[in-house]
Amino acid sequence: MVIGSGKTIAYMAPLINRLKDEEEQLGVITRFKKPRALVILPSRDLANQVLSVAKLFSHVVKIRIVAAIGGKKKRFIKEALTKPVDVLIATPDSLLKLKQQDRISFSDVSHLVLDEADSLFDQSFEDTTFNLLKMMKIREVKPKNYSDMREGAQVTVVSATITNRMLTSLTEKIPNIKKITSKQLHKILPNVEQKFIKVIAEHKAELLLKVLEGYSNTYSIVFCNSVPSCDWTARFLESCGIPVVKLHAGINAM
């Protein structure tokens, strides 16, 4: 799915529907410190965006949705978790800390969503993501009835891009995972102009500088494929007199 295509609603609507079905069919109740669904995202901004969409449902359906992310006061998160939570939205580090501090339990989790999974399974977050997966019971078979839905968590992996690295990691940890993709996956958007330039490694920095100088009157975003590359590129551009704001998982990761 492409950015802005409504993928949050695509997984959030059926997730909430399943939670309500569990209540009606199995008499499931939400218990203190035991969320029934988890949504994990790589950054606090994305978590807040998903929370705002999810809240649209909570105004109509009686369901409690809370975000536990870095940047919020500990007292605020602590108070939010003093009542039962149906859906907990969190970043990997924040969720891991809550678990290690015994402030939440994964025993009642029946649905786990990994949103922006290409980031959650890159080098910055992969270890934390898999540590969290190891702490949960993952559903291994397709449920035949509502009772089977309580046997471990159903994992939904959502991403606008699917890398070979991510697929390999997922199939190793969750062998029975099924891939569902859009026909438009990895296709060029018709309204976006793209140019590809072949360049040898030692000339990349020089060419990048030349390109950015051509856009000196506007703002630009430079994507790097690793944290060290991001750090190096930021230092290089700053040394060339270009103001830079650096952002990667190692900076305020929570």
Protein backbone atom coordinates (compact mmCIF):
# COMPACT_ATOMS: atom_id res chain seq x y z
CA MET A 1 0.00 0.00 0.00
CA VAL A 2 1.18 3.51 -0.75
CA ILE A 3 1.43 6.23 1.85
CA GLY A 4 -1.92 7.93 2.43
CA SER A 5 -3.94 5.09 0.90
CA GLY A 6 -5.83 4.31 4.10
CA LYS A 7 -3.86 1.31 5.31
CA THR A 8 -4.45 2.27 8.96
CA ILE A 9 -8.20 1.87 8.48
CA ALA A 10 -7.57 -1.28 6.42
CA TYR A 11 -6.20 -3.08 9.48
CA MET A 12 -7.79 -1.10 12.33
CA ALA A 13 -11.42 -1.61 11.25
CA PRO A 14 -11.27 -5.44 11.10
CA LEU A 15 -9.13 -5.54 14.26
CA ILE A 16 -11.74 -3.65 16.28
CA ASN A 17 -14.51 -5.73 14.70
CA ARG A 18 -12.76 -8.92 15.85
CA LEU A 19 -12.34 -7.56 19.37
CA LYS A 20 -16.05 -6.80 19.57
CA ASP A 21 -16.86 -10.27 18.18
CA GLU A 22 -14.72 -11.84 20.90
CA GLU A 23 -16.68 -9.91 23.52
CA GLU A 24 -20.05 -10.97 22.10
CA GLN A 25 -19.24 -14.58 21.17
CA LEU A 26 -16.82 -15.55 23.95
CA GLY A 27 -17.65 -13.09 26.70
CA VAL A 28 -14.08 -11.78 26.63
CA ILE A 29 -13.43 -8.81 28.90
CA THR A 30 -10.48 -6.46 28.92
CA ARG A 31 -8.34 -6.89 32.02
CA PHE A 32 -6.02 -4.56 33.89
CA LYS A 33 -2.46 -4.46 32.48
CA LYS A 34 -3.49 -6.91 29.73
CA PRO A 35 -4.20 -5.24 26.37
CA ARG A 36 -6.04 -7.38 23.84
CA ALA A 37 -4.40 -5.87 20.77
CA LEU A 38 -1.03 -4.26 20.11
CA VAL A 39 -0.08 -1.93 17.27
CA ILE A 40 3.67 -1.32 16.98
CA LEU A 41 5.17 1.50 14.90
CA PRO A 42 8.76 2.75 14.56
CA SER A 43 8.24 6.37 15.68
CA ARG A 44 6.14 8.46 18.05
CA ASP A 45 4.84 10.64 15.19
CA LEU A 46 3.51 7.62 13.32
CA ALA A 47 2.04 6.23 16.54
CA ASN A 48 0.21 9.51 17.14
CA GLN A 49 -1.12 9.48 13.57
CA VAL A 50 -2.49 5.97 14.00
CA LEU A 51 -3.95 6.92 17.39
CA SER A 52 -5.85 9.82 15.81
CA VAL A 53 -7.35 7.47 13.20
CA ALA A 54 -8.16 4.79 15.79
CA LYS A 55 -9.91 7.34 18.01
CA LEU A 56 -12.44 7.87 15.21
CA PHE A 57 -13.63 4.32 15.88
CA SER A 58 -13.63 4.66 19.65
CA HIS A 59 -16.13 7.53 19.38
CA VAL A 60 -18.60 5.12 17.77
CA VAL A 61 -17.61 1.73 19.22
CA LYS A 62 -17.12 1.28 22.95
CA ILE A 63 -13.43 0.50 22.98
CA ARG A 64 -10.43 1.99 24.80
CA ILE A 65 -7.35 2.87 22.78
CA VAL A 66 -4.15 4.22 24.35
CA ALA A 67 -0.73 5.20 22.98
CA ALA A 68 2.42 4.51 25.01
CA ILE A 69 5.24 6.35 23.30
CA GLY A 70 8.37 8.26 24.21
CA GLY A 71 8.05 11.98 24.66
CA LYS A 72 5.00 11.70 26.90
CA LYS A 73 5.41 12.17 30.62
CA LYS A 74 5.79 8.89 32.50
CA ARG A 75 2.93 9.95 34.77
CA PHE A 76 0.61 10.32 31.77
CA ILE A 77 1.40 6.81 30.48
CA LYS A 78 1.15 5.34 33.98
CA GLU A 79 -2.29 6.90 34.50
CA ALA A 80 -3.45 5.75 31.06
CA LEU A 81 -2.55 2.17 31.96
CA THR A 82 -4.34 2.20 35.34
CA LYS A 83 -7.54 1.24 33.48
CA PRO A 84 -8.04 -1.75 31.15
CA VAL A 85 -6.86 -1.07 27.59
CA ASP A 86 -8.31 -2.77 24.51
CA VAL A 87 -5.77 -1.52 21.95
CA LEU A 88 -2.29 -0.34 22.91
CA ILE A 89 -0.32 1.61 20.30
CA ALA A 90 3.41 1.85 21.00
CA THR A 91 6.92 2.17 19.65
CA PRO A 92 9.19 -0.89 20.09
CA ASP A 93 11.41 0.57 22.80
CA SER A 94 8.51 1.99 24.80
CA LEU A 95 6.63 -1.32 24.66
CA LEU A 96 9.70 -3.31 25.66
CA LYS A 97 10.32 -1.04 28.67
CA LEU A 98 6.71 -1.38 29.81
CA LYS A 99 7.02 -5.17 29.61
CA GLN A 100 10.37 -5.26 31.41
CA GLN A 101 8.95 -3.05 34.16
CA ASP A 102 6.00 -5.46 34.53
CA ARG A 103 3.53 -2.69 33.77
CA ILE A 104 1.82 -4.72 31.05
CA SER A 105 1.33 -8.40 30.20
CA PHE A 106 1.04 -9.97 26.75
CA SER A 107 -1.05 -12.92 27.97
CA ASP A 108 -4.34 -11.58 26.55
CA VAL A 109 -2.99 -10.29 23.23
CA SER A 110 -5.03 -11.83 20.40
CA HIS A 111 -4.01 -9.38 17.67
CA LEU A 112 -0.59 -7.91 16.91
CA VAL A 113 -0.05 -5.36 14.14
CA LEU A 114 3.43 -4.41 12.95
CA ASP A 115 2.91 -1.20 10.98
CA GLU A 116 5.64 0.33 8.79
CA ALA A 117 7.22 -3.12 8.99
CA ASP A 118 10.06 -2.29 6.59
CA SER A 119 11.39 0.01 9.33
CA LEU A 120 10.60 -2.36 12.21
CA PHE A 121 12.67 -5.07 10.53
CA ASP A 122 15.64 -2.94 9.49
CA GLN A 123 18.90 -2.92 11.42
CA SER A 124 17.73 -0.17 13.78
CA PHE A 125 14.70 -1.99 15.20
CA GLU A 126 15.03 -5.64 14.19
CA ASP A 127 16.45 -6.94 17.48
CA THR A 128 13.84 -5.16 19.59
CA THR A 129 11.01 -6.24 17.29
CA PHE A 130 12.02 -9.90 17.47
CA ASN A 131 12.53 -9.69 21.23
CA LEU A 132 8.92 -8.56 21.53
CA LEU A 133 7.72 -11.36 19.24
CA LYS A 134 9.53 -13.93 21.39
CA MET A 135 7.60 -12.69 24.43
CA MET A 136 4.24 -13.44 22.81
CA LYS A 137 2.44 -16.60 21.86
CA ILE A 138 1.92 -16.40 18.10
CA ARG A 139 -1.09 -18.13 16.57
CA GLU A 140 0.16 -20.96 14.36
CA VAL A 141 -3.02 -22.09 12.61
CA LYS A 142 -6.02 -20.45 11.00
CA PRO A 143 -8.84 -20.35 13.58
CA LYS A 144 -11.82 -22.59 12.80
CA ASN A 145 -14.08 -20.91 15.33
CA TYR A 146 -14.14 -18.06 17.83
CA SER A 147 -12.54 -20.18 20.56
CA ASP A 148 -9.48 -20.76 18.36
CA MET A 149 -9.05 -16.98 18.08
CA ARG A 150 -7.89 -16.93 21.70
CA GLU A 151 -5.04 -19.37 21.01
CA GLY A 152 -2.21 -16.90 20.59
CA ALA A 153 -1.95 -13.66 18.67
CA GLN A 154 -2.73 -13.19 15.01
CA VAL A 155 0.12 -11.19 13.47
CA THR A 156 -0.60 -8.61 10.77
CA VAL A 157 2.41 -7.07 9.04
CA VAL A 158 1.75 -3.80 7.19
CA SER A 159 4.18 -2.00 4.92
CA ALA A 160 4.20 0.28 1.88
CA THR A 161 7.35 -1.52 0.71
CA ILE A 162 8.39 -5.15 1.12
CA THR A 163 12.12 -5.86 1.14
CA ASN A 164 13.74 -9.26 0.63
CA ARG A 165 15.45 -8.86 4.01
CA MET A 166 12.11 -8.31 5.72
CA LEU A 167 10.50 -11.30 4.01
CA THR A 168 13.40 -13.56 4.93
CA SER A 169 13.33 -12.47 8.57
CA LEU A 170 9.57 -12.90 8.82
CA THR A 171 9.40 -16.35 7.26
CA GLU A 172 12.17 -17.54 9.58
CA LYS A 173 10.27 -16.40 12.67
CA ILE A 174 6.69 -16.96 11.41
CA PRO A 175 6.89 -19.82 8.86
CA ASN A 176 3.14 -19.92 8.08
CA ILE A 177 2.79 -16.20 7.33
CA LYS A 178 0.80 -15.36 4.18
CA LYS A 179 1.72 -12.48 1.88
CA ILE A 180 -1.05 -10.29 0.46
CA THR A 181 0.10 -7.52 -1.88
CA SER A 182 -1.49 -4.84 -4.00
CA LYS A 183 -1.05 -4.91 -7.78
CA GLN A 184 0.53 -1.48 -7.40
CA LEU A 185 3.26 -2.65 -5.02
CA HIS A 186 6.63 -1.06 -5.90
CA LYS A 187 5.19 0.55 -9.04
CA ILE A 188 6.08 4.12 -9.96
CA LEU A 189 3.36 6.63 -9.09
CA PRO A 190 2.20 8.44 -12.25
CA ASN A 191 2.27 11.89 -10.62
CA VAL A 192 5.81 11.58 -9.21
CA GLU A 193 8.81 12.34 -11.41
CA GLN A 194 11.75 10.02 -10.76
CA LYS A 195 15.29 10.12 -12.06
CA PHE A 196 17.91 7.42 -11.58
CA ILE A 197 21.58 8.32 -11.87
CA LYS A 198 24.34 5.71 -12.11
CA VAL A 199 27.41 6.83 -10.22
CA ILE A 200 30.45 5.13 -8.71
CA ALA A 201 30.72 5.16 -4.91
CA GLU A 202 33.53 7.70 -4.63
CA HIS A 203 31.57 10.29 -6.63
CA LYS A 204 28.25 10.00 -4.78
CA ALA A 205 28.93 12.71 -2.20
CA GLU A 206 30.08 15.18 -4.85
CA LEU A 207 27.00 14.54 -6.99
CA LEU A 208 24.65 14.77 -4.00
CA LEU A 209 26.09 18.16 -3.13
CA LYS A 210 25.64 19.35 -6.71
CA VAL A 211 22.00 18.22 -6.78
CA LEU A 212 21.17 19.88 -3.45
CA GLU A 213 22.82 23.13 -4.47
CA GLY A 214 20.40 23.21 -7.39
CA TYR A 215 17.54 23.30 -4.88
CA SER A 216 19.07 25.82 -2.49
CA ASN A 217 15.88 27.91 -2.35
CA THR A 218 13.70 25.08 -1.10
CA TYR A 219 13.76 22.14 1.32
CA SER A 220 15.02 18.66 0.50
CA ILE A 221 14.94 15.23 2.16
CA VAL A 222 17.88 12.85 1.77
CA PHE A 223 17.23 9.19 2.65
CA CYS A 224 20.12 6.96 3.71
CA ASN A 225 20.04 3.18 4.08
CA SER A 226 21.73 2.99 7.47
CA VAL A 227 22.37 5.02 10.61
CA PRO A 228 26.15 5.36 9.96
CA SER A 229 25.43 6.54 6.41
CA CYS A 230 22.98 9.12 7.76
CA ASP A 231 25.54 10.39 10.28
CA TRP A 232 28.27 10.64 7.65
CA THR A 233 26.05 12.38 5.10
CA ALA A 234 24.89 14.93 7.67
CA ARG A 235 28.49 15.75 8.65
CA PHE A 236 29.51 16.03 5.00
CA LEU A 237 26.69 18.43 4.07
CA GLU A 238 27.26 20.55 7.17
CA SER A 239 30.96 20.84 6.28
CA CYS A 240 29.87 22.14 2.87
CA GLY A 241 27.75 24.88 4.45
CA ILE A 242 24.35 23.25 4.01
CA PRO A 243 22.11 23.41 7.12
CA VAL A 244 21.05 19.89 8.08
CA VAL A 245 18.59 18.30 10.49
CA LYS A 246 19.51 14.67 11.12
CA LEU A 247 16.86 12.11 11.96
CA HIS A 248 17.27 8.36 12.49
CA ALA A 249 16.32 5.61 14.94
CA GLY A 250 19.30 6.36 17.18
CA ILE A 251 17.95 9.83 17.97
CA ASN A 252 15.13 9.80 20.54
CA ALA A 253 14.24 6.31 19.39
CA MET A 254 11.32 6.10 21.80
